[in-house]
């Protein structure tokens, strides 16, 4: 199974042809289509990105509004999107805005896919007293709880918007950089763990 992990930083659809935002949205969509992954776990996703042949599920719509962002339909921003060439079913989790847990089937075995965005924003509150460390601790604890609740036959993929330390990388992981017409580098990972 090829699993692609990318933070695409909310590409926006419906901009004038030739503008940087228009070029970026189409470059991100085309790049993902070329990767031929079985599953993508995309952070800072836009549901407007359609990948033919994939079923998509998304975390709750992001409440983190940015004035400069285009919110016209079909733009719909989520912290996490999971695209799968096969069956994918969303499962309930404690934090549905910053995380998404889905079940799929791979080689006749259930496989849990989990994606999240570690954010310093405390849900909707602008006046939160939580630090980045507080939020990181909460979300790592959620991953730990997820790992302890899985059955032996299930595998879990967790992705946070964090760099993957070299000691956790292995030969089945390949780092790729997505070209961006605006000159911003977006790195992602291709995993072949199964």
Protein backbone atom coordinates (compact mmCIF):
# COMPACT_ATOMS: atom_id res chain seq x y z
CA UNK A 1 0.00 0.00 0.00
CA UNK A 2 1.31 3.45 -0.94
CA UNK A 3 0.26 6.14 1.52
CA UNK A 4 0.92 9.80 0.76
CA UNK A 5 1.14 12.33 3.60
CA UNK A 6 1.04 16.02 2.68
CA UNK A 7 0.19 19.34 4.19
CA UNK A 8 -1.23 21.29 1.24
CA UNK A 9 -2.01 24.53 3.15
CA UNK A 10 -5.62 24.99 1.98
CA UNK A 11 -5.28 25.56 -1.78
CA UNK A 12 -8.15 27.74 -3.01
CA UNK A 13 -10.39 27.01 -6.01
CA UNK A 14 -12.24 29.65 -8.09
CA UNK A 15 -9.56 32.25 -8.62
CA UNK A 16 -8.94 34.08 -11.87
CA UNK A 17 -7.07 32.03 -14.43
CA UNK A 18 -3.36 32.80 -14.33
CA UNK A 19 -3.29 34.13 -10.77
CA UNK A 20 -0.94 32.58 -8.21
CA UNK A 21 -3.84 31.06 -6.24
CA UNK A 22 -5.35 29.54 -9.43
CA UNK A 23 -2.01 28.06 -10.47
CA UNK A 24 -1.32 26.70 -6.97
CA UNK A 25 -4.73 24.99 -6.63
CA UNK A 26 -4.33 23.25 -9.99
CA UNK A 27 -0.67 22.37 -9.33
CA UNK A 28 -1.56 20.72 -5.99
CA UNK A 29 -4.45 18.77 -7.57
CA UNK A 30 -2.32 17.60 -10.50
CA UNK A 31 0.60 16.66 -8.26
CA UNK A 32 -1.56 14.48 -5.99
CA UNK A 33 -3.12 12.74 -9.02
CA UNK A 34 0.36 11.86 -10.38
CA UNK A 35 1.55 10.23 -7.13
CA UNK A 36 -0.62 7.09 -7.60
CA UNK A 37 -1.03 6.45 -3.88
CA UNK A 38 -3.62 4.04 -2.52
CA UNK A 39 -4.37 6.46 0.32
CA UNK A 40 -3.63 10.13 0.96
CA UNK A 41 -3.75 11.72 4.40
CA UNK A 42 -3.88 15.43 3.60
CA UNK A 43 -3.63 18.13 6.24
CA UNK A 44 -5.01 21.64 5.73
CA UNK A 45 -7.24 20.20 3.01
CA UNK A 46 -9.85 21.78 0.74
CA UNK A 47 -12.77 19.46 -0.15
CA UNK A 48 -12.85 21.20 -3.55
CA UNK A 49 -9.88 19.00 -4.55
CA UNK A 50 -11.40 16.04 -6.33
CA UNK A 51 -9.23 12.99 -7.02
CA UNK A 52 -10.94 10.73 -9.56
CA UNK A 53 -11.14 7.12 -8.35
CA UNK A 54 -10.83 8.07 -4.67
CA UNK A 55 -13.42 8.20 -1.92
CA UNK A 56 -12.82 11.16 0.41
CA UNK A 57 -13.68 11.86 4.03
CA UNK A 58 -12.93 15.06 5.92
CA UNK A 59 -12.66 16.31 9.48
CA UNK A 60 -15.28 18.84 10.55
CA UNK A 61 -15.12 22.07 8.60
CA UNK A 62 -12.42 24.34 9.95
CA UNK A 63 -13.67 27.23 12.10
CA UNK A 64 -10.33 29.01 11.74
CA UNK A 65 -11.34 31.77 9.32
CA UNK A 66 -8.79 33.78 7.42
CA UNK A 67 -10.04 37.02 5.84
CA UNK A 68 -7.90 36.65 2.74
CA UNK A 69 -9.23 33.15 1.94
CA UNK A 70 -11.89 32.49 -0.72
CA UNK A 71 -14.92 30.85 0.97
CA UNK A 72 -17.13 30.60 -2.13
CA UNK A 73 -18.40 27.11 -3.01
CA UNK A 74 -16.85 24.60 -3.77
CA UNK A 75 -14.14 25.74 -1.31
CA UNK A 76 -14.63 23.95 1.99
CA UNK A 77 -11.66 23.96 4.33
CA UNK A 78 -10.82 21.11 6.72
CA UNK A 79 -7.82 20.39 8.89
CA UNK A 80 -7.65 16.80 7.58
CA UNK A 81 -8.83 14.93 4.49
CA UNK A 82 -8.36 11.20 3.82
CA UNK A 83 -8.64 10.00 0.23
CA UNK A 84 -8.72 6.26 -0.47
CA UNK A 85 -8.96 4.21 -3.65
CA UNK A 86 -11.03 1.72 -1.65
CA UNK A 87 -13.67 1.72 1.02
CA UNK A 88 -13.18 4.32 3.74
CA UNK A 89 -15.47 4.94 6.70
CA UNK A 90 -15.11 7.82 9.18
CA UNK A 91 -15.08 6.89 12.88
CA UNK A 92 -15.92 9.06 15.87
CA UNK A 93 -13.07 10.77 17.70
CA UNK A 94 -12.80 13.26 20.56
CA UNK A 95 -11.52 16.17 18.43
CA UNK A 96 -13.29 16.15 15.04
CA UNK A 97 -11.96 19.54 13.90
CA UNK A 98 -8.21 18.89 14.12
CA UNK A 99 -8.32 15.13 13.55
CA UNK A 100 -9.91 12.46 11.39
CA UNK A 101 -10.01 8.71 11.98
CA UNK A 102 -11.16 6.37 9.22
CA UNK A 103 -11.32 2.62 8.72
CA UNK A 104 -10.43 0.97 5.46
CA UNK A 105 -9.70 -2.61 4.41
CA UNK A 106 -6.30 -3.63 3.09
CA UNK A 107 -5.52 -7.23 2.15
CA UNK A 108 -8.66 -8.44 3.97
CA UNK A 109 -7.57 -6.72 7.21
CA UNK A 110 -8.99 -3.59 8.80
CA UNK A 111 -6.64 -0.64 8.68
CA UNK A 112 -7.18 2.53 10.71
CA UNK A 113 -6.00 5.78 9.16
CA UNK A 114 -5.59 8.78 11.42
CA UNK A 115 -4.58 12.28 10.49
CA UNK A 116 -4.42 15.42 12.58
CA UNK A 117 -3.09 18.95 12.68
CA UNK A 118 -1.34 20.09 15.80
CA UNK A 119 -2.47 23.65 16.24
CA UNK A 120 -2.02 26.32 18.84
CA UNK A 121 -5.60 27.45 18.23
CA UNK A 122 -7.78 26.13 21.01
CA UNK A 123 -10.87 25.02 19.08
CA UNK A 124 -12.82 28.24 18.48
CA UNK A 125 -11.46 30.39 21.33
CA UNK A 126 -9.14 33.24 20.39
CA UNK A 127 -8.50 33.93 24.07
CA UNK A 128 -7.29 30.44 24.96
CA UNK A 129 -4.58 30.16 27.56
CA UNK A 130 -3.28 26.88 26.12
CA UNK A 131 0.23 26.83 24.73
CA UNK A 132 1.50 24.94 21.72
CA UNK A 133 3.00 22.42 24.18
CA UNK A 134 -0.42 21.95 25.82
CA UNK A 135 -2.06 21.26 22.45
CA UNK A 136 0.79 18.98 21.36
CA UNK A 137 0.49 16.99 24.59
CA UNK A 138 -3.30 16.66 24.14
CA UNK A 139 -3.01 15.48 20.56
CA UNK A 140 -0.18 13.04 21.26
CA UNK A 141 -2.29 11.66 24.12
CA UNK A 142 -5.19 11.22 21.67
CA UNK A 143 -2.86 9.24 19.40
CA UNK A 144 -1.69 7.12 22.35
CA UNK A 145 -5.30 6.37 23.30
CA UNK A 146 -6.05 5.49 19.70
CA UNK A 147 -3.15 3.05 19.62
CA UNK A 148 -4.28 1.35 22.84
CA UNK A 149 -7.85 0.95 21.60
CA UNK A 150 -6.95 -0.80 18.35
CA UNK A 151 -7.16 -4.52 18.06
CA UNK A 152 -4.16 -6.61 17.15
CA UNK A 153 -5.22 -6.98 13.52
CA UNK A 154 -5.59 -3.26 12.95
CA UNK A 155 -2.78 -0.95 11.96
CA UNK A 156 -2.71 2.78 12.60
CA UNK A 157 -1.16 5.56 10.62
CA UNK A 158 -0.87 8.82 12.51
CA UNK A 159 0.28 12.00 10.90
CA UNK A 160 0.68 15.34 12.54
CA UNK A 161 1.91 18.54 10.97
CA UNK A 162 5.30 17.81 12.44
CA UNK A 163 8.64 16.88 11.01
CA UNK A 164 9.25 13.14 11.18
CA UNK A 165 12.42 12.61 13.26
CA UNK A 166 15.17 10.70 11.47
CA UNK A 167 15.04 7.86 14.03
CA UNK A 168 11.39 7.21 13.03
CA UNK A 169 12.12 7.22 9.32
CA UNK A 170 12.83 3.94 7.57
CA UNK A 171 13.56 2.57 4.13
CA UNK A 172 9.86 2.35 3.27
CA UNK A 173 9.53 6.13 3.53
CA UNK A 174 10.38 8.55 0.77
CA UNK A 175 10.31 12.33 1.21
CA UNK A 176 9.04 14.34 -1.75
CA UNK A 177 8.66 18.05 -2.31
CA UNK A 178 5.59 19.30 -4.13
CA UNK A 179 6.41 22.04 -6.66
CA UNK A 180 4.45 25.24 -6.10
CA UNK A 181 4.06 27.95 -8.75
CA UNK A 182 4.36 30.60 -6.02
CA UNK A 183 7.75 29.29 -4.92
CA UNK A 184 6.55 27.82 -1.59
CA UNK A 185 7.95 24.34 -0.89
CA UNK A 186 5.50 21.75 0.46
CA UNK A 187 7.12 18.54 1.61
CA UNK A 188 5.30 15.28 2.03
CA UNK A 189 5.97 11.60 2.50
CA UNK A 190 5.20 8.46 0.55
CA UNK A 191 4.95 5.42 2.84
CA UNK A 192 4.81 1.79 1.76
CA UNK A 193 4.33 0.10 5.15
CA UNK A 194 2.02 -2.75 4.16
